[in-house]
Amino acid sequence: MGVEQVTDTSEMMKQLTAYIAAKVLKGKSVEITEDTPLVSSGLIDSFALIDIFLELQRITERKVPASKVQAKDMDTVRLMFALAERFGKPAKS
């Protein structure tokens, strides 16, 4: 079961990374990974963070209280998933 969870998280990270590349960076020739600094490097702005945060919640099926979100927690895809794991509650269907 542990391996299954890792695979799921890895796949979810790939989904979010692809979303950021396609919808936020819109074809800019920047290769991003789970550990690419997004905010601190200036690749994305605070408006884009809102879209990414909503997509993170959709992909993880977790509701994260906005009061728990800090910019440093949204700098990389890996940090975003750690945030969702730490503070997210299962989304109601």
PDB file of N, CA and C in Angstrom:
ATOM      1  N   MET A   1       0.820  -1.200   0.000  1.00  0.00           N
ATOM      2  CA  MET A   1       0.000   0.000   0.000  1.00  0.00           C
ATOM      3  C   MET A   1       0.859   1.257   0.000  1.00  0.00           C
ATOM      4  N   GLY A   2       1.989   1.247   0.678  1.00  0.00           N
ATOM      5  CA  GLY A   2       2.871   2.393   0.716  1.00  0.00           C
ATOM      6  C   GLY A   2       3.377   2.765  -0.663  1.00  0.00           C
ATOM      7  N   VAL A   3       3.745   1.766  -1.471  1.00  0.00           N
ATOM      8  CA  VAL A   3       4.230   2.016  -2.832  1.00  0.00           C
ATOM      9  C   VAL A   3       3.120   2.617  -3.674  1.00  0.00           C
ATOM     10  N   GLU A   4       1.908   2.135  -3.506  1.00  0.00           N
ATOM     11  CA  GLU A   4       0.754   2.652  -4.234  1.00  0.00           C
ATOM     12  C   GLU A   4       0.570   4.141  -3.947  1.00  0.00           C
ATOM     13  N   GLN A   5       0.693   4.526  -2.683  1.00  0.00           N
ATOM     14  CA  GLN A   5       0.522   5.924  -2.297  1.00  0.00           C
ATOM     15  C   GLN A   5       1.612   6.789  -2.931  1.00  0.00           C
ATOM     16  N   VAL A   6       2.852   6.302  -2.920  1.00  0.00           N
ATOM     17  CA  VAL A   6       3.944   7.050  -3.526  1.00  0.00           C
ATOM     18  C   VAL A   6       3.685   7.250  -5.017  1.00  0.00           C
ATOM     19  N   THR A   7       3.260   6.192  -5.693  1.00  0.00           N
ATOM     20  CA  THR A   7       2.956   6.284  -7.120  1.00  0.00           C
ATOM     21  C   THR A   7       1.836   7.288  -7.355  1.00  0.00           C
ATOM     22  N   ASP A   8       0.784   7.232  -6.542  1.00  0.00           N
ATOM     23  CA  ASP A   8      -0.325   8.162  -6.689  1.00  0.00           C
ATOM     24  C   ASP A   8       0.145   9.598  -6.507  1.00  0.00           C
ATOM     25  N   THR A   9       0.938   9.843  -5.467  1.00  0.00           N
ATOM     26  CA  THR A   9       1.432  11.188  -5.214  1.00  0.00           C
ATOM     27  C   THR A   9       2.333  11.639  -6.354  1.00  0.00           C
ATOM     28  N   SER A  10       3.181  10.746  -6.832  1.00  0.00           N
ATOM     29  CA  SER A  10       4.065  11.074  -7.942  1.00  0.00           C
ATOM     30  C   SER A  10       3.251  11.434  -9.181  1.00  0.00           C
ATOM     31  N   GLU A  11       2.221  10.665  -9.458  1.00  0.00           N
ATOM     32  CA  GLU A  11       1.348  10.950 -10.608  1.00  0.00           C
ATOM     33  C   GLU A  11       0.618  12.272 -10.427  1.00  0.00           C
ATOM     34  N   MET A  12       0.151  12.531  -9.209  1.00  0.00           N
ATOM     35  CA  MET A  12      -0.547  13.790  -8.937  1.00  0.00           C
ATOM     36  C   MET A  12       0.406  14.974  -9.103  1.00  0.00           C
ATOM     37  N   MET A  13       1.661  14.806  -8.668  1.00  0.00           N
ATOM     38  CA  MET A  13       2.647  15.873  -8.851  1.00  0.00           C
ATOM     39  C   MET A  13       2.881  16.134 -10.332  1.00  0.00           C
ATOM     40  N   LYS A  14       2.935  15.068 -11.125  1.00  0.00           N
ATOM     41  CA  LYS A  14       3.111  15.221 -12.570  1.00  0.00           C
ATOM     42  C   LYS A  14       1.924  15.968 -13.174  1.00  0.00           C
ATOM     43  N   GLN A  15       0.721  15.660 -12.698  1.00  0.00           N
ATOM     44  CA  GLN A  15      -0.480  16.347 -13.191  1.00  0.00           C
ATOM     45  C   GLN A  15      -0.394  17.844 -12.903  1.00  0.00           C
ATOM     46  N   LEU A  16      -0.003  18.187 -11.656  1.00  0.00           N
ATOM     47  CA  LEU A  16       0.069  19.599 -11.295  1.00  0.00           C
ATOM     48  C   LEU A  16       1.193  20.302 -12.054  1.00  0.00           C
ATOM     49  N   THR A  17       2.316  19.636 -12.218  1.00  0.00           N
ATOM     50  CA  THR A  17       3.431  20.209 -12.973  1.00  0.00           C
ATOM     51  C   THR A  17       2.996  20.469 -14.421  1.00  0.00           C
ATOM     52  N   ALA A  18       2.285  19.524 -15.014  1.00  0.00           N
ATOM     53  CA  ALA A  18       1.791  19.686 -16.387  1.00  0.00           C
ATOM     54  C   ALA A  18       0.786  20.836 -16.466  1.00  0.00           C
ATOM     55  N   TYR A  19      -0.076  20.954 -15.455  1.00  0.00           N
ATOM     56  CA  TYR A  19      -1.057  22.038 -15.401  1.00  0.00           C
ATOM     57  C   TYR A  19      -0.340  23.390 -15.380  1.00  0.00           C
ATOM     58  N   ILE A  20       0.678  23.500 -14.526  1.00  0.00           N
ATOM     59  CA  ILE A  20       1.421  24.762 -14.411  1.00  0.00           C
ATOM     60  C   ILE A  20       2.089  25.100 -15.740  1.00  0.00           C
ATOM     61  N   ALA A  21       2.711  24.108 -16.360  1.00  0.00           N
ATOM     62  CA  ALA A  21       3.394  24.343 -17.645  1.00  0.00           C
ATOM     63  C   ALA A  21       2.406  24.787 -18.719  1.00  0.00           C
ATOM     64  N   ALA A  22       1.254  24.123 -18.790  1.00  0.00           N
ATOM     65  CA  ALA A  22       0.290  24.393 -19.865  1.00  0.00           C
ATOM     66  C   ALA A  22      -0.571  25.624 -19.609  1.00  0.00           C
ATOM     67  N   LYS A  23      -1.085  25.767 -18.402  1.00  0.00           N
ATOM     68  CA  LYS A  23      -2.076  26.810 -18.129  1.00  0.00           C
ATOM     69  C   LYS A  23      -1.505  28.079 -17.520  1.00  0.00           C
ATOM     70  N   VAL A  24      -0.418  27.953 -16.782  1.00  0.00           N
ATOM     71  CA  VAL A  24       0.133  29.126 -16.107  1.00  0.00           C
ATOM     72  C   VAL A  24       1.314  29.706 -16.888  1.00  0.00           C
ATOM     73  N   LEU A  25       2.243  28.853 -17.252  1.00  0.00           N
ATOM     74  CA  LEU A  25       3.411  29.329 -18.009  1.00  0.00           C
ATOM     75  C   LEU A  25       3.100  29.437 -19.493  1.00  0.00           C
ATOM     76  N   LYS A  26       2.023  28.815 -19.924  1.00  0.00           N
ATOM     77  CA  LYS A  26       1.497  28.906 -21.297  1.00  0.00           C
ATOM     78  C   LYS A  26       2.564  28.771 -22.379  1.00  0.00           C
ATOM     79  N   GLY A  27       3.270  27.669 -22.308  1.00  0.00           N
ATOM     80  CA  GLY A  27       4.203  27.366 -23.387  1.00  0.00           C
ATOM     81  C   GLY A  27       5.555  28.039 -23.304  1.00  0.00           C
ATOM     82  N   LYS A  28       5.817  28.783 -22.221  1.00  0.00           N
ATOM     83  CA  LYS A  28       7.154  29.361 -22.080  1.00  0.00           C
ATOM     84  C   LYS A  28       8.149  28.212 -22.063  1.00  0.00           C
ATOM     85  N   SER A  29       9.289  28.442 -22.655  1.00  0.00           N
ATOM     86  CA  SER A  29      10.256  27.346 -22.753  1.00  0.00           C
ATOM     87  C   SER A  29      11.042  27.189 -21.445  1.00  0.00           C
ATOM     88  N   VAL A  30      10.306  26.829 -20.405  1.00  0.00           N
ATOM     89  CA  VAL A  30      10.903  26.606 -19.089  1.00  0.00           C
ATOM     90  C   VAL A  30      10.543  25.190 -18.665  1.00  0.00           C
ATOM     91  N   GLU A  31      11.558  24.419 -18.364  1.00  0.00           N
ATOM     92  CA  GLU A  31      11.337  23.052 -17.887  1.00  0.00           C
ATOM     93  C   GLU A  31      11.106  23.121 -16.379  1.00  0.00           C
ATOM     94  N   ILE A  32       9.959  22.625 -15.919  1.00  0.00           N
ATOM     95  CA  ILE A  32       9.732  22.626 -14.476  1.00  0.00           C
ATOM     96  C   ILE A  32       9.586  21.200 -13.966  1.00  0.00           C
ATOM     97  N   THR A  33      10.027  21.017 -12.742  1.00  0.00           N
ATOM     98  CA  THR A  33       9.919  19.728 -12.056  1.00  0.00           C
ATOM     99  C   THR A  33       9.215  19.966 -10.726  1.00  0.00           C
ATOM    100  N   GLU A  34       9.114  18.925  -9.936  1.00  0.00           N
ATOM    101  CA  GLU A  34       8.484  19.041  -8.620  1.00  0.00           C
ATOM    102  C   GLU A  34       9.264  19.970  -7.696  1.00  0.00           C
ATOM    103  N   ASP A  35      10.539  20.202  -7.995  1.00  0.00           N
ATOM    104  CA  ASP A  35      11.389  21.000  -7.118  1.00  0.00           C
ATOM    105  C   ASP A  35      11.813  22.346  -7.714  1.00  0.00           C
ATOM    106  N   THR A  36      11.228  22.725  -8.835  1.00  0.00           N
ATOM    107  CA  THR A  36      11.548  24.012  -9.453  1.00  0.00           C
ATOM    108  C   THR A  36      10.960  25.141  -8.613  1.00  0.00           C
ATOM    109  N   PRO A  37      11.783  26.104  -8.204  1.00  0.00           N
ATOM    110  CA  PRO A  37      11.234  27.266  -7.473  1.00  0.00           C
ATOM    111  C   PRO A  37      10.329  28.066  -8.412  1.00  0.00           C
ATOM    112  N   LEU A  38       9.109  28.267  -7.994  1.00  0.00           N
ATOM    113  CA  LEU A  38       8.142  28.956  -8.851  1.00  0.00           C
ATOM    114  C   LEU A  38       7.947  30.407  -8.428  1.00  0.00           C
ATOM    115  N   VAL A  39       7.734  30.620  -7.141  1.00  0.00           N
ATOM    116  CA  VAL A  39       7.474  31.962  -6.635  1.00  0.00           C
ATOM    117  C   VAL A  39       8.784  32.722  -6.461  1.00  0.00           C
ATOM    118  N   SER A  40       9.737  32.123  -5.757  1.00  0.00           N
ATOM    119  CA  SER A  40      10.989  32.818  -5.446  1.00  0.00           C
ATOM    120  C   SER A  40      11.805  33.132  -6.701  1.00  0.00           C
ATOM    121  N   SER A  41      11.583  32.379  -7.779  1.00  0.00           N
ATOM    122  CA  SER A  41      12.309  32.631  -9.027  1.00  0.00           C
ATOM    123  C   SER A  41      11.593  33.658  -9.903  1.00  0.00           C
ATOM    124  N   GLY A  42      10.355  33.999  -9.540  1.00  0.00           N
ATOM    125  CA  GLY A  42       9.586  34.941 -10.342  1.00  0.00           C
ATOM    126  C   GLY A  42       8.850  34.305 -11.514  1.00  0.00           C
ATOM    127  N   LEU A  43       8.874  32.972 -11.611  1.00  0.00           N
ATOM    128  CA  LEU A  43       8.171  32.295 -12.707  1.00  0.00           C
ATOM    129  C   LEU A  43       6.665  32.518 -12.640  1.00  0.00           C
ATOM    130  N   ILE A  44       6.125  32.537 -11.425  1.00  0.00           N
ATOM    131  CA  ILE A  44       4.678  32.752 -11.277  1.00  0.00           C
ATOM    132  C   ILE A  44       4.420  33.882 -10.287  1.00  0.00           C
ATOM    133  N   ASP A  45       3.272  34.530 -10.443  1.00  0.00           N
ATOM    134  CA  ASP A  45       2.912  35.617  -9.542  1.00  0.00           C
ATOM    135  C   ASP A  45       1.783  35.186  -8.612  1.00  0.00           C
ATOM    136  N   SER A  46       1.355  36.086  -7.763  1.00  0.00           N
ATOM    137  CA  SER A  46       0.347  35.744  -6.763  1.00  0.00           C
ATOM    138  C   SER A  46      -1.006  35.399  -7.389  1.00  0.00           C
ATOM    139  N   PHE A  47      -1.323  35.977  -8.533  1.00  0.00           N
ATOM    140  CA  PHE A  47      -2.583  35.638  -9.195  1.00  0.00           C
ATOM    141  C   PHE A  47      -2.550  34.190  -9.688  1.00  0.00           C
ATOM    142  N   ALA A  48      -1.428  33.793 -10.252  1.00  0.00           N
ATOM    143  CA  ALA A  48      -1.281  32.416 -10.725  1.00  0.00           C
ATOM    144  C   ALA A  48      -1.335  31.439  -9.564  1.00  0.00           C
ATOM    145  N   LEU A  49      -0.846  31.863  -8.406  1.00  0.00           N
ATOM    146  CA  LEU A  49      -0.870  30.981  -7.229  1.00  0.00           C
ATOM    147  C   LEU A  49      -2.291  30.552  -6.862  1.00  0.00           C
ATOM    148  N   ILE A  50      -3.227  31.444  -7.051  1.00  0.00           N
ATOM    149  CA  ILE A  50      -4.623  31.119  -6.725  1.00  0.00           C
ATOM    150  C   ILE A  50      -5.109  29.979  -7.615  1.00  0.00           C
ATOM    151  N   ASP A  51      -4.861  30.089  -8.921  1.00  0.00           N
ATOM    152  CA  ASP A  51      -5.262  29.021  -9.844  1.00  0.00           C
ATOM    153  C   ASP A  51      -4.572  27.707  -9.498  1.00  0.00           C
ATOM    154  N   ILE A  52      -3.284  27.787  -9.194  1.00  0.00           N
ATOM    155  CA  ILE A  52      -2.526  26.581  -8.865  1.00  0.00           C
ATOM    156  C   ILE A  52      -3.040  25.968  -7.574  1.00  0.00           C
ATOM    157  N   PHE A  53      -3.348  26.800  -6.600  1.00  0.00           N
ATOM    158  CA  PHE A  53      -3.882  26.310  -5.321  1.00  0.00           C
ATOM    159  C   PHE A  53      -5.212  25.577  -5.532  1.00  0.00           C
ATOM    160  N   LEU A  54      -6.075  26.131  -6.345  1.00  0.00           N
ATOM    161  CA  LEU A  54      -7.362  25.487  -6.632  1.00  0.00           C
ATOM    162  C   LEU A  54      -7.153  24.152  -7.356  1.00  0.00           C
ATOM    163  N   GLU A  55      -6.207  24.127  -8.281  1.00  0.00           N
ATOM    164  CA  GLU A  55      -5.907  22.890  -9.011  1.00  0.00           C
ATOM    165  C   GLU A  55      -5.292  21.850  -8.068  1.00  0.00           C
ATOM    166  N   LEU A  56      -4.442  22.284  -7.160  1.00  0.00           N
ATOM    167  CA  LEU A  56      -3.867  21.382  -6.153  1.00  0.00           C
ATOM    168  C   LEU A  56      -4.970  20.701  -5.354  1.00  0.00           C
ATOM    169  N   GLN A  57      -5.950  21.479  -4.914  1.00  0.00           N
ATOM    170  CA  GLN A  57      -7.055  20.917  -4.142  1.00  0.00           C
ATOM    171  C   GLN A  57      -7.875  19.940  -4.991  1.00  0.00           C
ATOM    172  N   ARG A  58      -8.062  20.255  -6.264  1.00  0.00           N
ATOM    173  CA  ARG A  58      -8.827  19.374  -7.143  1.00  0.00           C
ATOM    174  C   ARG A  58      -8.091  18.052  -7.334  1.00  0.00           C
ATOM    175  N   ILE A  59      -6.798  18.129  -7.630  1.00  0.00           N
ATOM    176  CA  ILE A  59      -6.011  16.919  -7.884  1.00  0.00           C
ATOM    177  C   ILE A  59      -5.908  16.038  -6.645  1.00  0.00           C
ATOM    178  N   THR A  60      -5.657  16.650  -5.491  1.00  0.00           N
ATOM    179  CA  THR A  60      -5.467  15.873  -4.260  1.00  0.00           C
ATOM    180  C   THR A  60      -6.785  15.473  -3.605  1.00  0.00           C
ATOM    181  N   GLU A  61      -7.872  16.102  -4.062  1.00  0.00           N
ATOM    182  CA  GLU A  61      -9.191  15.885  -3.453  1.00  0.00           C
ATOM    183  C   GLU A  61      -9.167  16.222  -1.961  1.00  0.00           C
ATOM    184  N   ARG A  62      -8.436  17.284  -1.654  1.00  0.00           N
ATOM    185  CA  ARG A  62      -8.331  17.776  -0.282  1.00  0.00           C
ATOM    186  C   ARG A  62      -8.645  19.261  -0.257  1.00  0.00           C
ATOM    187  N   LYS A  63      -9.321  19.677   0.790  1.00  0.00           N
ATOM    188  CA  LYS A  63      -9.635  21.087   1.006  1.00  0.00           C
ATOM    189  C   LYS A  63      -8.625  21.620   2.013  1.00  0.00           C
ATOM    190  N   VAL A  64      -7.860  22.614   1.600  1.00  0.00           N
ATOM    191  CA  VAL A  64      -6.829  23.207   2.452  1.00  0.00           C
ATOM    192  C   VAL A  64      -7.317  24.599   2.874  1.00  0.00           C
ATOM    193  N   PRO A  65      -7.390  24.862   4.182  1.00  0.00           N
ATOM    194  CA  PRO A  65      -7.818  26.191   4.617  1.00  0.00           C
ATOM    195  C   PRO A  65      -6.852  27.272   4.116  1.00  0.00           C
ATOM    196  N   ALA A  66      -7.390  28.289   3.478  1.00  0.00           N
ATOM    197  CA  ALA A  66      -6.545  29.358   2.931  1.00  0.00           C
ATOM    198  C   ALA A  66      -5.707  30.018   4.021  1.00  0.00           C
ATOM    199  N   SER A  67      -6.206  30.025   5.239  1.00  0.00           N
ATOM    200  CA  SER A  67      -5.465  30.644   6.348  1.00  0.00           C
ATOM    201  C   SER A  67      -4.163  29.904   6.673  1.00  0.00           C
ATOM    202  N   LYS A  68      -4.043  28.667   6.228  1.00  0.00           N
ATOM    203  CA  LYS A  68      -2.842  27.868   6.487  1.00  0.00           C
ATOM    204  C   LYS A  68      -1.784  28.023   5.387  1.00  0.00           C
ATOM    205  N   VAL A  69      -2.141  28.682   4.300  1.00  0.00           N
ATOM    206  CA  VAL A  69      -1.250  28.770   3.137  1.00  0.00           C
ATOM    207  C   VAL A  69      -0.338  29.993   3.256  1.00  0.00           C
ATOM    208  N   GLN A  70       0.958  29.749   3.102  1.00  0.00           N
ATOM    209  CA  GLN A  70       1.942  30.822   3.054  1.00  0.00           C
ATOM    210  C   GLN A  70       2.698  30.690   1.736  1.00  0.00           C
ATOM    211  N   ALA A  71       3.207  31.786   1.229  1.00  0.00           N
ATOM    212  CA  ALA A  71       3.903  31.771  -0.060  1.00  0.00           C
ATOM    213  C   ALA A  71       5.034  30.747  -0.070  1.00  0.00           C
ATOM    214  N   LYS A  72       5.761  30.607   1.031  1.00  0.00           N
ATOM    215  CA  LYS A  72       6.883  29.659   1.074  1.00  0.00           C
ATOM    216  C   LYS A  72       6.409  28.222   0.880  1.00  0.00           C
ATOM    217  N   ASP A  73       5.161  27.932   1.249  1.00  0.00           N
ATOM    218  CA  ASP A  73       4.610  26.587   1.080  1.00  0.00           C
ATOM    219  C   ASP A  73       4.172  26.317  -0.354  1.00  0.00           C
ATOM    220  N   MET A  74       4.166  27.350  -1.180  1.00  0.00           N
ATOM    221  CA  MET A  74       3.701  27.226  -2.556  1.00  0.00           C
ATOM    222  C   MET A  74       4.840  27.433  -3.560  1.00  0.00           C
ATOM    223  N   ASP A  75       6.085  27.411  -3.090  1.00  0.00           N
ATOM    224  CA  ASP A  75       7.203  27.713  -3.974  1.00  0.00           C
ATOM    225  C   ASP A  75       7.525  26.584  -4.944  1.00  0.00           C
ATOM    226  N   THR A  76       7.305  25.339  -4.535  1.00  0.00           N
ATOM    227  CA  THR A  76       7.538  24.205  -5.433  1.00  0.00           C
ATOM    228  C   THR A  76       6.332  23.273  -5.372  1.00  0.00           C
ATOM    229  N   VAL A  77       6.203  22.453  -6.387  1.00  0.00           N
ATOM    230  CA  VAL A  77       5.099  21.479  -6.408  1.00  0.00           C
ATOM    231  C   VAL A  77       5.225  20.531  -5.213  1.00  0.00           C
ATOM    232  N   ARG A  78       6.450  20.121  -4.886  1.00  0.00           N
ATOM    233  CA  ARG A  78       6.643  19.207  -3.751  1.00  0.00           C
ATOM    234  C   ARG A  78       6.174  19.854  -2.442  1.00  0.00           C
ATOM    235  N   LEU A  79       6.490  21.134  -2.248  1.00  0.00           N
ATOM    236  CA  LEU A  79       6.036  21.840  -1.040  1.00  0.00           C
ATOM    237  C   LEU A  79       4.513  21.966  -1.016  1.00  0.00           C
ATOM    238  N   MET A  80       3.914  22.169  -2.183  1.00  0.00           N
ATOM    239  CA  MET A  80       2.454  22.270  -2.259  1.00  0.00           C
ATOM    240  C   MET A  80       1.789  20.973  -1.798  1.00  0.00           C
ATOM    241  N   PHE A  81       2.349  19.846  -2.221  1.00  0.00           N
ATOM    242  CA  PHE A  81       1.783  18.565  -1.823  1.00  0.00           C
ATOM    243  C   PHE A  81       1.988  18.305  -0.331  1.00  0.00           C
ATOM    244  N   ALA A  82       3.117  18.765   0.208  1.00  0.00           N
ATOM    245  CA  ALA A  82       3.350  18.637   1.649  1.00  0.00           C
ATOM    246  C   ALA A  82       2.320  19.468   2.412  1.00  0.00           C
ATOM    247  N   LEU A  83       2.007  20.635   1.897  1.00  0.00           N
ATOM    248  CA  LEU A  83       0.988  21.497   2.501  1.00  0.00           C
ATOM    249  C   LEU A  83      -0.372  20.802   2.495  1.00  0.00           C
ATOM    250  N   ALA A  84      -0.744  20.233   1.357  1.00  0.00           N
ATOM    251  CA  ALA A  84      -2.032  19.555   1.241  1.00  0.00           C
ATOM    252  C   ALA A  84      -2.095  18.346   2.178  1.00  0.00           C
ATOM    253  N   GLU A  85      -0.977  17.663   2.323  1.00  0.00           N
ATOM    254  CA  GLU A  85      -0.929  16.509   3.223  1.00  0.00           C
ATOM    255  C   GLU A  85      -1.046  16.939   4.681  1.00  0.00           C
ATOM    256  N   ARG A  86      -0.379  18.032   5.015  1.00  0.00           N
ATOM    257  CA  ARG A  86      -0.348  18.510   6.397  1.00  0.00           C
ATOM    258  C   ARG A  86      -1.677  19.113   6.844  1.00  0.00           C
ATOM    259  N   PHE A  87      -2.277  19.939   6.012  1.00  0.00           N
ATOM    260  CA  PHE A  87      -3.466  20.693   6.427  1.00  0.00           C
ATOM    261  C   PHE A  87      -4.758  20.314   5.723  1.00  0.00           C
ATOM    262  N   GLY A  88      -4.658  19.559   4.631  1.00  0.00           N
ATOM    263  CA  GLY A  88      -5.845  19.249   3.837  1.00  0.00           C
ATOM    264  C   GLY A  88      -6.771  18.247   4.504  1.00  0.00           C
ATOM    265  N   LYS A  89      -8.029  18.485   4.330  1.00  0.00           N
ATOM    266  CA  LYS A  89      -9.071  17.554   4.785  1.00  0.00           C
ATOM    267  C   LYS A  89      -9.735  16.994   3.534  1.00  0.00           C
ATOM    268  N   PRO A  90     -10.154  15.721   3.587  1.00  0.00           N
ATOM    269  CA  PRO A  90     -10.811  15.157   2.400  1.00  0.00           C
ATOM    270  C   PRO A  90     -11.976  16.041   1.941  1.00  0.00           C
ATOM    271  N   ALA A  91     -12.003  16.320   0.655  1.00  0.00           N
ATOM    272  CA  ALA A  91     -13.075  17.146   0.085  1.00  0.00           C
ATOM    273  C   ALA A  91     -14.377  16.376   0.122  1.00  0.00           C
ATOM    274  N   LYS A  92     -15.454  17.091   0.388  1.00  0.00           N
ATOM    275  CA  LYS A  92     -16.775  16.449   0.395  1.00  0.00           C
ATOM    276  C   LYS A  92     -17.236  16.281  -1.035  1.00  0.00           C
ATOM    277  N   SER A  93     -17.817  15.139  -1.333  1.00  0.00           N
ATOM    278  CA  SER A  93     -18.293  14.860  -2.692  1.00  0.00           C
ATOM    279  C   SER A  93     -19.612  15.523  -2.939  1.00  0.00           C
TER     280      SER A  93
END
